N, C-alpha and C. Protein backbone atom coordinates (compact mmCIF):
# COMPACT_ATOMS: atom_id res chain seq x y z
N MET A 1 67.25 159.85 83.58
CA MET A 1 67.32 158.82 81.76
C MET A 1 67.32 159.12 81.35
N TYR A 2 68.33 159.29 80.56
CA TYR A 2 68.89 159.66 78.90
C TYR A 2 68.13 159.71 77.21
N THR A 3 65.84 159.82 76.89
CA THR A 3 64.73 159.57 76.67
C THR A 3 65.66 160.24 74.50
N SER A 4 66.13 160.88 74.73
CA SER A 4 66.81 161.81 72.97
C SER A 4 67.23 160.88 72.72
N GLY A 5 67.00 160.00 72.42
CA GLY A 5 68.01 158.97 71.60
C GLY A 5 66.84 158.14 71.11
N LEU A 6 66.17 158.09 72.16
CA LEU A 6 64.69 156.96 71.76
C LEU A 6 63.67 158.38 71.10
N LEU A 7 63.61 158.84 70.24
CA LEU A 7 63.02 159.95 69.73
C LEU A 7 63.19 160.17 68.44
N PHE A 8 64.32 159.23 68.34
CA PHE A 8 64.41 159.56 66.50
C PHE A 8 65.24 158.23 65.56
N ILE A 9 63.67 157.87 64.79
CA ILE A 9 63.48 156.62 64.54
C ILE A 9 64.09 156.88 62.93
N GLY A 10 65.37 156.17 62.68
CA GLY A 10 65.10 156.05 61.12
C GLY A 10 64.35 154.99 60.29
N THR A 11 64.64 155.25 58.77
CA THR A 11 64.17 154.64 58.03
C THR A 11 63.65 152.99 57.91
N GLN A 12 64.74 153.14 58.56
CA GLN A 12 64.99 151.05 59.07
C GLN A 12 63.93 150.24 59.45
N GLU A 13 63.84 151.25 60.92
CA GLU A 13 62.73 151.83 61.59
C GLU A 13 61.05 151.44 61.24
N ILE A 14 61.04 152.30 60.82
CA ILE A 14 59.82 152.72 60.31
C ILE A 14 59.64 151.34 59.30
N ILE A 15 60.94 151.29 58.41
CA ILE A 15 59.71 150.35 57.63
C ILE A 15 59.78 148.54 58.39
N ILE A 16 60.88 148.45 58.69
CA ILE A 16 59.57 147.44 60.83
C ILE A 16 59.10 147.04 60.51
N ILE A 17 58.46 148.30 61.18
CA ILE A 17 57.38 148.68 61.89
C ILE A 17 56.90 148.39 60.50
N VAL A 18 56.48 148.99 59.88
CA VAL A 18 55.68 148.76 58.47
C VAL A 18 55.03 147.35 57.93
N VAL A 19 56.29 146.96 57.62
CA VAL A 19 56.53 145.01 57.90
C VAL A 19 55.57 145.04 58.68
N LEU A 20 55.39 145.23 59.94
CA LEU A 20 55.21 144.15 61.47
C LEU A 20 53.02 144.64 61.37
N VAL A 21 53.06 145.68 61.41
CA VAL A 21 51.72 146.28 60.85
C VAL A 21 50.77 145.31 60.05
N LEU A 22 51.67 145.01 58.72
CA LEU A 22 50.54 144.47 57.61
C LEU A 22 50.82 143.02 58.06
N LEU A 23 51.52 142.64 58.08
CA LEU A 23 51.43 141.17 59.00
C LEU A 23 50.63 141.11 59.67
N LEU A 24 50.57 141.98 60.57
CA LEU A 24 49.58 141.57 62.40
C LEU A 24 48.76 141.72 61.66
N PHE A 25 47.72 142.73 60.75
CA PHE A 25 46.36 142.90 60.55
C PHE A 25 45.96 143.00 59.42
N GLY A 26 46.84 142.89 58.27
CA GLY A 26 46.50 142.39 57.02
C GLY A 26 47.03 143.36 55.91
N GLY A 27 46.45 143.40 54.79
CA GLY A 27 46.20 144.09 53.20
C GLY A 27 44.64 144.67 53.98
N LYS A 28 43.93 143.94 53.92
CA LYS A 28 42.26 144.64 54.07
C LYS A 28 41.52 145.10 55.82
N LYS A 29 42.75 144.95 56.46
CA LYS A 29 42.12 145.67 57.49
C LYS A 29 42.21 146.85 57.85
N ILE A 30 43.78 147.32 57.62
CA ILE A 30 44.58 148.73 58.09
C ILE A 30 43.08 149.54 57.87
N PRO A 31 42.28 150.23 56.45
CA PRO A 31 41.67 150.91 55.98
C PRO A 31 40.48 150.88 57.04
N GLU A 32 40.18 149.76 57.06
CA GLU A 32 39.14 149.26 58.21
C GLU A 32 39.85 149.83 59.55
N LEU A 33 40.56 149.92 59.88
CA LEU A 33 41.35 150.30 61.23
C LEU A 33 42.03 151.89 61.33
N MET A 34 42.31 152.56 59.75
CA MET A 34 42.11 153.91 59.96
C MET A 34 40.75 154.69 59.83
N ARG A 35 40.02 154.14 58.77
CA ARG A 35 38.58 154.35 58.98
C ARG A 35 37.91 155.26 60.42
N GLY A 36 38.36 153.56 61.47
CA GLY A 36 37.53 153.55 62.59
C GLY A 36 38.51 155.47 63.34
N LEU A 37 40.01 154.61 63.65
CA LEU A 37 40.68 156.27 63.86
C LEU A 37 39.66 157.28 63.67
N GLY A 38 40.53 157.59 61.84
CA GLY A 38 39.03 159.08 61.61
C GLY A 38 38.03 159.38 62.32
N ARG A 39 37.70 158.61 62.98
CA ARG A 39 35.41 158.49 63.10
C ARG A 39 36.15 159.00 64.76
N GLY A 40 36.80 157.98 64.48
CA GLY A 40 36.71 158.80 66.36
C GLY A 40 37.75 160.31 66.47
N VAL A 41 37.99 160.64 65.53
CA VAL A 41 39.32 161.85 66.14
C VAL A 41 38.17 162.27 66.01
N LYS A 42 37.88 162.62 64.84
CA LYS A 42 36.33 163.19 64.21
C LYS A 42 35.30 163.67 65.45
N GLU A 43 35.05 162.25 66.37
CA GLU A 43 33.58 163.10 67.31
C GLU A 43 34.58 163.53 68.52
N PHE A 44 35.79 162.76 69.12
CA PHE A 44 36.20 164.12 69.78
C PHE A 44 36.66 165.26 69.55
N LYS A 45 36.99 165.97 68.13
CA LYS A 45 36.78 167.21 68.17
C LYS A 45 35.13 167.82 68.24
N ASP A 46 34.60 167.33 67.32
CA ASP A 46 33.58 167.99 67.75
C ASP A 46 32.80 167.44 68.73
N GLY A 47 33.46 166.71 70.15
CA GLY A 47 32.96 167.55 71.56
C GLY A 47 33.29 167.74 71.88
N GLN A 48 34.53 169.15 71.87
CA GLN A 48 35.33 169.82 72.15
C GLN A 48 34.64 170.36 71.86
N ARG A 49 34.39 170.86 70.67
CA ARG A 49 34.11 172.11 69.74
C ARG A 49 32.12 172.02 70.32
N ASP A 50 31.66 171.53 70.66
CA ASP A 50 29.93 171.23 71.45
C ASP A 50 30.05 171.62 73.09
N GLU A 51 31.54 171.39 73.17
CA GLU A 51 31.67 171.76 74.72
C GLU A 51 31.87 173.21 75.76
N GLN A 52 32.49 173.85 74.28
CA GLN A 52 33.29 175.05 73.68
C GLN A 52 32.18 176.39 73.77
N ASN A 53 31.45 176.01 72.89
CA ASN A 53 29.96 176.09 72.87
C ASN A 53 29.20 176.11 74.03
N ASN A 54 28.47 175.07 74.38
CA ASN A 54 28.03 175.50 75.79
C ASN A 54 28.24 176.44 76.21
N GLU A 55 29.55 175.53 76.73
CA GLU A 55 30.36 177.07 78.15
C GLU A 55 30.00 178.29 77.85
N THR A 56 29.97 178.65 76.44
CA THR A 56 30.29 179.81 75.85
C THR A 56 28.54 180.50 76.13
N LYS A 57 27.78 179.53 75.29
CA LYS A 57 26.04 180.43 76.20
C LYS A 57 26.38 180.41 77.37
N SER A 58 25.78 179.34 78.45
CA SER A 58 26.36 178.77 79.70
C SER A 58 26.59 181.08 80.44
N ASN A 59 27.47 181.16 79.78
CA ASN A 59 28.56 182.00 80.44
C ASN A 59 27.92 183.63 79.82
N THR A 60 26.89 183.39 78.05
CA THR A 60 26.71 184.76 77.91
C THR A 60 25.65 184.59 79.27
N THR A 61 24.80 183.07 79.11
CA THR A 61 23.18 183.61 79.80
C THR A 61 22.99 183.83 81.26
N ASN A 62 24.60 183.72 81.90
CA ASN A 62 24.99 184.00 83.75
C ASN A 62 25.37 185.61 83.34
N ASN A 63 25.53 186.05 81.99
CA ASN A 63 26.19 187.16 82.05
C ASN A 63 24.19 188.37 82.34
N ASN A 64 23.60 187.44 81.16
CA ASN A 64 22.81 188.00 81.10
C ASN A 64 21.49 188.41 82.24
N THR A 65 22.02 187.41 83.21
CA THR A 65 20.52 187.17 84.23
C THR A 65 21.02 187.96 85.29
N GLN A 66 22.49 188.30 85.72
CA GLN A 66 22.88 188.77 86.49
C GLN A 66 22.59 190.51 86.27
N ASN A 67 22.72 190.75 84.69
CA ASN A 67 22.38 192.49 83.89
C ASN A 67 20.85 192.67 85.03
């Protein structure tokens, strides 16, 4: 199955998608949706950063106890 043709979206398709989103959600709801999306991305990145910090701390602690 060739999907390379599906990856190229033209200007007309983007305009149609934007119009459909506006019709479905309305102009007032879209900023709320984007704000929620931004908060979700921020929380996800913070969670990844915290996990990396915890791993670094546990590795340092394990190395100190072995010495």
